[in-house]
Amino acid sequence: MAPVRVFRSFLFIALLFMLRLLLSAQGDPAAIQQKLSAQFKLTTTTADRSDIVTAGDVVVLHKPGLVMYAVTSPMPPSNTYKNGKIGQGWGGFGKDLAIGMRSSGGTTAADYPHRTFVPEEKCWVTAVQVEKDGVVFTLYSDPYNDTRYYGSLKIPFPNKKEVPSTDLALQTVAEVLTVAPSGNADNQAAAAPPPAAPAAPSAPPAPMAVIPPPPPPADVPPPSISIGQTRDQVIAAFGQPLREANLGSKQILYYKDMKVTLKDGKVSDVD
C-alpha cells in the first residue's frame, strides 16, 4: 500500500504543478487593465459630449471600417475588430436597435450623422475596459463640419475562451490603435517649436530728396474794364454776371460790387 500512496501523492503534486502552469499561462484582466490605463491617458468630455474638458492622448487608427455616430446619439455605435478590419456585425445591429429605443420621436440610429474613419486618422479615448473576451475602447473625434462623433471599438482576444498574457493583449491592441507621437495635449505643447525670433529691423529708408516749393505766382494785375469793351471781353475778365437786364439796345450786367451798362454791345458806363 505504501507504493500506492507515494504514487498518488506524486500524481497530486504533478497535477497541481500543471494547474499552476496553466493558470500562469493565462493573463490577468486586472494587470491588462492597469497597463492599458497607463498607456492610454483618457480624455474627459462635457456631459453632453459636445466638447473636451480635459485632453488625453491622441490615438492613431490603423485599420479600416470604424464607424462613429454624432455625439447627439444617446449611445455610441458598436464596432468589432476581426480578420484585420473593423466591422459592425450583429453587435452593431443590436446596438442600433438599442439606440432607436432610447431615442425620441421615432428617431432611429440611421437618423444620426455617421462618419467612417480610415487608417491613420486620429481620435481620442474617453474610456477603456477589459472584458473577459477582449478590450473595449470608447473613441471620440475632433469636429468635422462642427460635428463631433463617438463610438465603441471592441478588440477581441486571440482566443476568446481565455485571457491572454498582458504582453499579447497589448500587442493585439497595437494592431488597431496606438498613441500618436506627442499625442498628449501636454506633450504637444512641449513639442511645439519655439516661436521664431523677431526679424532684425531693416535699415531705415533713405531720406527723400527735398522738393523745393513752387515759385510764387507772378503778380497778376486785377481785371479791369474800360469804355468801349465788348460784352465778351467783360465776361472774360469778370466771369458771368449774377444777373443781367436786356433793355432793347441797352444791356445791364450786374456783378457783386459793380454794374456794367452796354449800349449796342459795348460798354458805355460802369458803376
Protein backbone atom coordinates (compact mmCIF):
# COMPACT_ATOMS: atom_id res chain seq x y z
CA MET A 1 0.00 0.00 0.00
CA ALA A 2 2.90 2.35 0.66
CA PRO A 3 3.96 2.46 -3.03
CA VAL A 4 0.35 3.30 -3.99
CA ARG A 5 0.20 6.17 -1.54
CA VAL A 6 3.52 7.51 -2.83
CA PHE A 7 2.26 7.30 -6.41
CA ARG A 8 -0.96 9.13 -5.54
CA SER A 9 0.99 11.85 -3.76
CA PHE A 10 3.30 12.23 -6.76
CA LEU A 11 0.30 12.38 -9.13
CA PHE A 12 -1.39 15.05 -6.99
CA ILE A 13 1.76 17.18 -6.96
CA ALA A 14 2.14 16.79 -10.73
CA LEU A 15 -1.49 17.81 -11.34
CA LEU A 16 -1.10 20.79 -9.02
CA PHE A 17 2.06 21.85 -10.86
CA MET A 18 0.32 21.55 -14.24
CA LEU A 19 -2.61 23.59 -12.95
CA ARG A 20 -0.28 26.32 -11.81
CA LEU A 21 1.43 26.31 -15.20
CA LEU A 22 -1.96 26.58 -16.88
CA LEU A 23 -3.02 29.47 -14.68
CA SER A 24 0.29 31.26 -15.16
CA ALA A 25 -0.08 30.95 -18.94
CA GLN A 26 -3.36 32.87 -18.78
CA GLY A 27 -3.32 36.60 -18.36
CA ASP A 28 -4.73 38.68 -15.56
CA PRO A 29 -7.52 41.10 -16.65
CA ALA A 30 -6.63 43.48 -13.84
CA ALA A 31 -2.99 43.58 -14.98
CA ILE A 32 -4.07 44.24 -18.59
CA GLN A 33 -6.42 46.99 -17.40
CA GLN A 34 -3.62 48.60 -15.41
CA LYS A 35 -1.24 48.53 -18.36
CA LEU A 36 -3.82 49.99 -20.76
CA SER A 37 -4.78 52.73 -18.30
CA ALA A 38 -1.14 53.69 -18.06
CA GLN A 39 -0.64 53.54 -21.81
CA PHE A 40 -3.74 55.49 -22.87
CA LYS A 41 -4.40 58.73 -20.99
CA LEU A 42 -8.17 59.24 -21.15
CA THR A 43 -9.94 62.34 -22.44
CA THR A 44 -12.80 63.84 -20.43
CA THR A 45 -15.72 65.44 -22.27
CA THR A 46 -18.62 67.63 -21.22
CA ALA A 47 -21.81 65.92 -20.04
CA ASP A 48 -23.44 66.39 -23.45
CA ARG A 49 -20.24 65.24 -25.20
CA SER A 50 -20.13 68.46 -27.22
CA ASP A 51 -16.58 69.42 -26.26
CA ILE A 52 -13.42 68.34 -24.44
CA VAL A 53 -12.87 69.28 -20.81
CA THR A 54 -9.51 67.53 -20.26
CA ALA A 55 -7.49 66.34 -23.23
CA GLY A 56 -5.82 62.96 -23.01
CA ASP A 57 -3.78 61.04 -25.57
CA VAL A 58 -4.44 61.30 -29.28
CA VAL A 59 -4.52 57.82 -30.83
CA VAL A 60 -3.95 56.72 -34.40
CA LEU A 61 -6.30 54.24 -36.07
CA HIS A 62 -4.52 51.55 -38.13
CA LYS A 63 -7.44 49.52 -39.52
CA PRO A 64 -10.32 50.48 -41.83
CA GLY A 65 -14.04 50.34 -41.19
CA LEU A 66 -14.55 52.23 -37.91
CA VAL A 67 -17.96 53.94 -37.88
CA MET A 68 -18.88 56.63 -35.37
CA TYR A 69 -22.18 58.46 -34.84
CA ALA A 70 -22.72 62.10 -33.93
CA VAL A 71 -22.47 62.70 -30.19
CA THR A 72 -26.19 63.57 -30.19
CA SER A 73 -26.85 59.82 -30.40
CA PRO A 74 -27.87 58.53 -26.94
CA MET A 75 -25.39 55.63 -27.25
CA PRO A 76 -22.21 55.08 -29.26
CA PRO A 77 -22.37 52.54 -32.11
CA SER A 78 -20.56 49.20 -31.71
CA ASN A 79 -17.54 48.19 -33.80
CA THR A 80 -15.53 44.97 -33.57
CA TYR A 81 -12.07 44.22 -34.90
CA LYS A 82 -11.95 40.92 -36.78
CA ASN A 83 -9.78 39.42 -39.54
CA GLY A 84 -7.71 42.56 -39.97
CA LYS A 85 -10.53 45.07 -40.30
CA ILE A 86 -13.28 46.72 -38.29
CA GLY A 87 -16.96 45.97 -38.80
CA GLN A 88 -20.29 46.35 -37.05
CA GLY A 89 -21.75 42.85 -37.37
CA TRP A 90 -24.62 41.59 -35.22
CA GLY A 91 -23.33 43.50 -32.23
CA GLY A 92 -23.61 46.74 -34.16
CA PHE A 93 -27.10 45.83 -35.35
CA GLY A 94 -28.21 45.17 -31.79
CA LYS A 95 -26.70 48.46 -30.60
CA ASP A 96 -28.55 50.32 -33.38
CA LEU A 97 -31.82 48.83 -32.14
CA ALA A 98 -30.99 49.99 -28.61
CA ILE A 99 -30.19 53.48 -29.90
CA GLY A 100 -33.57 53.63 -31.63
CA MET A 101 -35.32 52.53 -28.44
CA ARG A 102 -33.61 55.26 -26.43
CA SER A 103 -34.29 57.98 -29.00
CA SER A 104 -37.47 60.04 -29.01
CA GLY A 105 -39.87 60.99 -31.76
CA GLY A 106 -39.38 57.82 -33.80
CA THR A 107 -35.70 58.60 -34.42
CA THR A 108 -33.55 55.61 -35.36
CA ALA A 109 -29.80 55.10 -35.39
CA ALA A 110 -29.79 55.83 -39.12
CA ASP A 111 -31.09 59.35 -38.46
CA TYR A 112 -27.93 60.41 -36.64
CA PRO A 113 -24.98 61.63 -38.73
CA HIS A 114 -22.47 58.83 -39.38
CA ARG A 115 -18.80 59.00 -40.28
CA THR A 116 -16.49 56.20 -41.39
CA PHE A 117 -12.86 56.62 -40.36
CA VAL A 118 -9.91 55.39 -42.40
CA PRO A 119 -6.46 54.19 -41.34
CA GLU A 120 -4.09 56.84 -39.93
CA GLU A 121 -6.92 59.12 -38.84
CA LYS A 122 -6.70 60.32 -35.24
CA CYS A 123 -9.15 60.50 -32.38
CA TRP A 124 -9.34 60.49 -28.57
CA VAL A 125 -10.02 57.75 -26.00
CA THR A 126 -12.66 58.52 -23.37
CA ALA A 127 -12.87 55.02 -21.83
CA VAL A 128 -11.12 51.64 -21.95
CA GLN A 129 -12.49 48.49 -20.33
CA VAL A 130 -11.03 44.98 -20.22
CA GLU A 131 -13.70 42.29 -20.54
CA LYS A 132 -13.41 38.52 -20.36
CA ASP A 133 -13.02 38.16 -24.13
CA GLY A 134 -11.47 41.45 -25.23
CA VAL A 135 -10.85 45.15 -24.69
CA VAL A 136 -13.49 47.82 -25.40
CA PHE A 137 -12.46 51.39 -26.24
CA THR A 138 -14.79 54.37 -26.41
CA LEU A 139 -13.45 56.77 -29.03
CA TYR A 140 -14.23 60.45 -29.59
CA SER A 141 -13.40 62.61 -32.61
CA ASP A 142 -12.45 66.18 -33.36
CA PRO A 143 -15.21 68.28 -35.00
CA TYR A 144 -15.93 67.60 -38.65
CA ASN A 145 -18.11 70.39 -40.09
CA ASP A 146 -18.93 71.38 -36.50
CA THR A 147 -19.99 67.80 -35.58
CA ARG A 148 -18.11 65.53 -33.17
CA TYR A 149 -18.51 61.75 -33.39
CA TYR A 150 -18.09 58.88 -30.95
CA GLY A 151 -18.24 55.10 -30.99
CA SER A 152 -17.10 51.96 -29.20
CA LEU A 153 -14.49 49.58 -30.58
CA LYS A 154 -14.02 46.06 -29.25
CA ILE A 155 -10.69 44.34 -29.84
CA PRO A 156 -11.25 40.64 -29.00
CA PHE A 157 -8.52 38.48 -27.51
CA PRO A 158 -6.91 36.00 -29.93
CA ASN A 159 -8.60 33.15 -28.07
CA LYS A 160 -11.98 34.30 -26.76
CA LYS A 161 -12.06 31.44 -24.26
CA GLU A 162 -9.06 32.61 -22.27
CA VAL A 163 -7.43 35.84 -21.20
CA PRO A 164 -4.02 36.18 -22.87
CA SER A 165 -0.86 37.39 -21.26
CA THR A 166 -0.54 41.12 -20.77
CA ASP A 167 2.08 41.42 -23.50
CA LEU A 168 -0.07 39.54 -26.02
CA ALA A 169 -3.13 41.62 -25.15
CA LEU A 170 -1.19 44.87 -25.65
CA GLN A 171 0.23 43.54 -28.90
CA THR A 172 -3.27 42.82 -30.21
CA VAL A 173 -4.45 46.31 -29.25
CA ALA A 174 -1.43 47.85 -31.00
CA GLU A 175 -2.57 46.27 -34.27
CA VAL A 176 -5.57 48.62 -34.20
CA LEU A 177 -4.72 51.62 -32.00
CA THR A 178 -1.52 53.28 -30.87
CA VAL A 179 -0.82 56.56 -29.13
CA ALA A 180 0.22 59.22 -31.62
CA PRO A 181 3.67 60.72 -31.18
CA SER A 182 3.25 63.70 -28.88
CA GLY A 183 -0.43 62.72 -28.74
CA ASN A 184 -0.96 64.10 -25.26
CA ALA A 185 -2.05 67.71 -25.17
CA ASP A 186 0.75 68.48 -22.71
CA ASN A 187 3.27 66.74 -24.95
CA GLN A 188 2.01 68.67 -27.95
CA ALA A 189 2.62 71.91 -26.13
CA ALA A 190 6.08 70.73 -25.09
CA ALA A 191 6.92 69.57 -28.60
CA ALA A 192 5.75 72.76 -30.26
CA PRO A 193 8.68 74.63 -31.80
CA PRO A 194 9.69 77.82 -30.04
CA PRO A 195 8.36 80.98 -31.61
CA ALA A 196 10.59 82.40 -34.30
CA ALA A 197 12.87 85.18 -33.23
CA PRO A 198 11.70 88.57 -34.40
CA ALA A 199 13.35 89.68 -37.60
CA ALA A 200 16.13 92.19 -37.27
CA PRO A 201 14.93 95.70 -38.00
CA SER A 202 15.67 96.70 -41.56
CA ALA A 203 17.75 99.73 -42.35
CA PRO A 204 15.75 102.93 -42.38
CA PRO A 205 14.83 104.07 -45.88
CA ALA A 206 16.98 106.75 -47.43
CA PRO A 207 15.55 110.21 -46.92
CA MET A 208 13.63 111.53 -49.86
CA ALA A 209 15.08 114.45 -51.73
CA VAL A 210 13.65 117.74 -50.59
CA ILE A 211 11.48 119.15 -53.33
CA PRO A 212 11.53 122.94 -53.25
CA PRO A 213 8.17 124.64 -53.16
CA PRO A 214 6.93 126.08 -56.42
CA PRO A 215 7.82 129.71 -57.00
CA PRO A 216 5.15 132.22 -56.02
CA PRO A 217 2.93 133.20 -58.89
CA ALA A 218 3.88 136.32 -60.72
CA ASP A 219 1.92 139.40 -59.81
CA VAL A 220 -1.16 139.44 -61.95
CA PRO A 221 -2.91 142.79 -62.24
CA PRO A 222 -6.56 142.76 -61.23
CA PRO A 223 -9.02 142.65 -64.09
CA SER A 224 -10.07 146.00 -65.44
CA ILE A 225 -12.83 147.29 -67.60
CA SER A 226 -12.92 150.24 -69.91
CA ILE A 227 -15.46 152.05 -72.03
CA GLY A 228 -15.90 150.50 -75.43
CA GLN A 229 -15.11 146.88 -74.44
CA THR A 230 -17.47 144.22 -75.75
CA ARG A 231 -19.72 142.02 -73.66
CA ASP A 232 -17.42 139.01 -74.29
CA GLN A 233 -14.38 140.96 -73.03
CA VAL A 234 -16.23 141.87 -69.83
CA ILE A 235 -17.30 138.24 -69.17
CA ALA A 236 -13.78 137.01 -69.96
CA ALA A 237 -12.38 139.35 -67.31
CA PHE A 238 -15.04 139.13 -64.61
CA GLY A 239 -16.97 135.96 -65.35
CA GLN A 240 -20.68 135.50 -65.77
CA PRO A 241 -22.77 138.22 -64.11
CA LEU A 242 -25.08 137.49 -61.22
CA ARG A 243 -27.93 138.67 -63.38
CA GLU A 244 -28.49 140.83 -66.41
CA ALA A 245 -31.20 143.03 -67.85
CA ASN A 246 -31.98 143.49 -71.57
CA LEU A 247 -33.48 146.87 -72.37
CA GLY A 248 -33.60 146.87 -76.14
CA SER A 249 -30.32 148.27 -77.39
CA LYS A 250 -29.08 148.55 -73.81
CA GLN A 251 -27.92 145.69 -71.54
CA ILE A 252 -27.01 145.89 -67.86
CA LEU A 253 -24.71 143.29 -66.31
CA TYR A 254 -24.92 143.06 -62.50
CA TYR A 255 -21.88 141.87 -60.55
CA LYS A 256 -21.44 141.74 -56.79
CA ASP A 257 -19.91 145.19 -56.48
CA MET A 258 -20.34 146.52 -59.98
CA LYS A 259 -22.94 147.33 -62.64
CA VAL A 260 -21.82 147.43 -66.26
CA THR A 261 -24.03 149.09 -68.86
CA LEU A 262 -23.60 148.15 -72.51
CA LYS A 263 -25.12 150.04 -75.42
CA ASP A 264 -25.17 148.44 -78.83
CA GLY A 265 -22.99 145.65 -77.41
CA LYS A 266 -20.22 147.86 -75.99
CA VAL A 267 -19.53 149.21 -72.50
CA SER A 268 -20.99 152.66 -72.12
CA ASP A 269 -20.97 153.04 -68.34
CA VAL A 270 -19.56 151.35 -65.18
CA ASP A 271 -20.95 151.96 -61.71
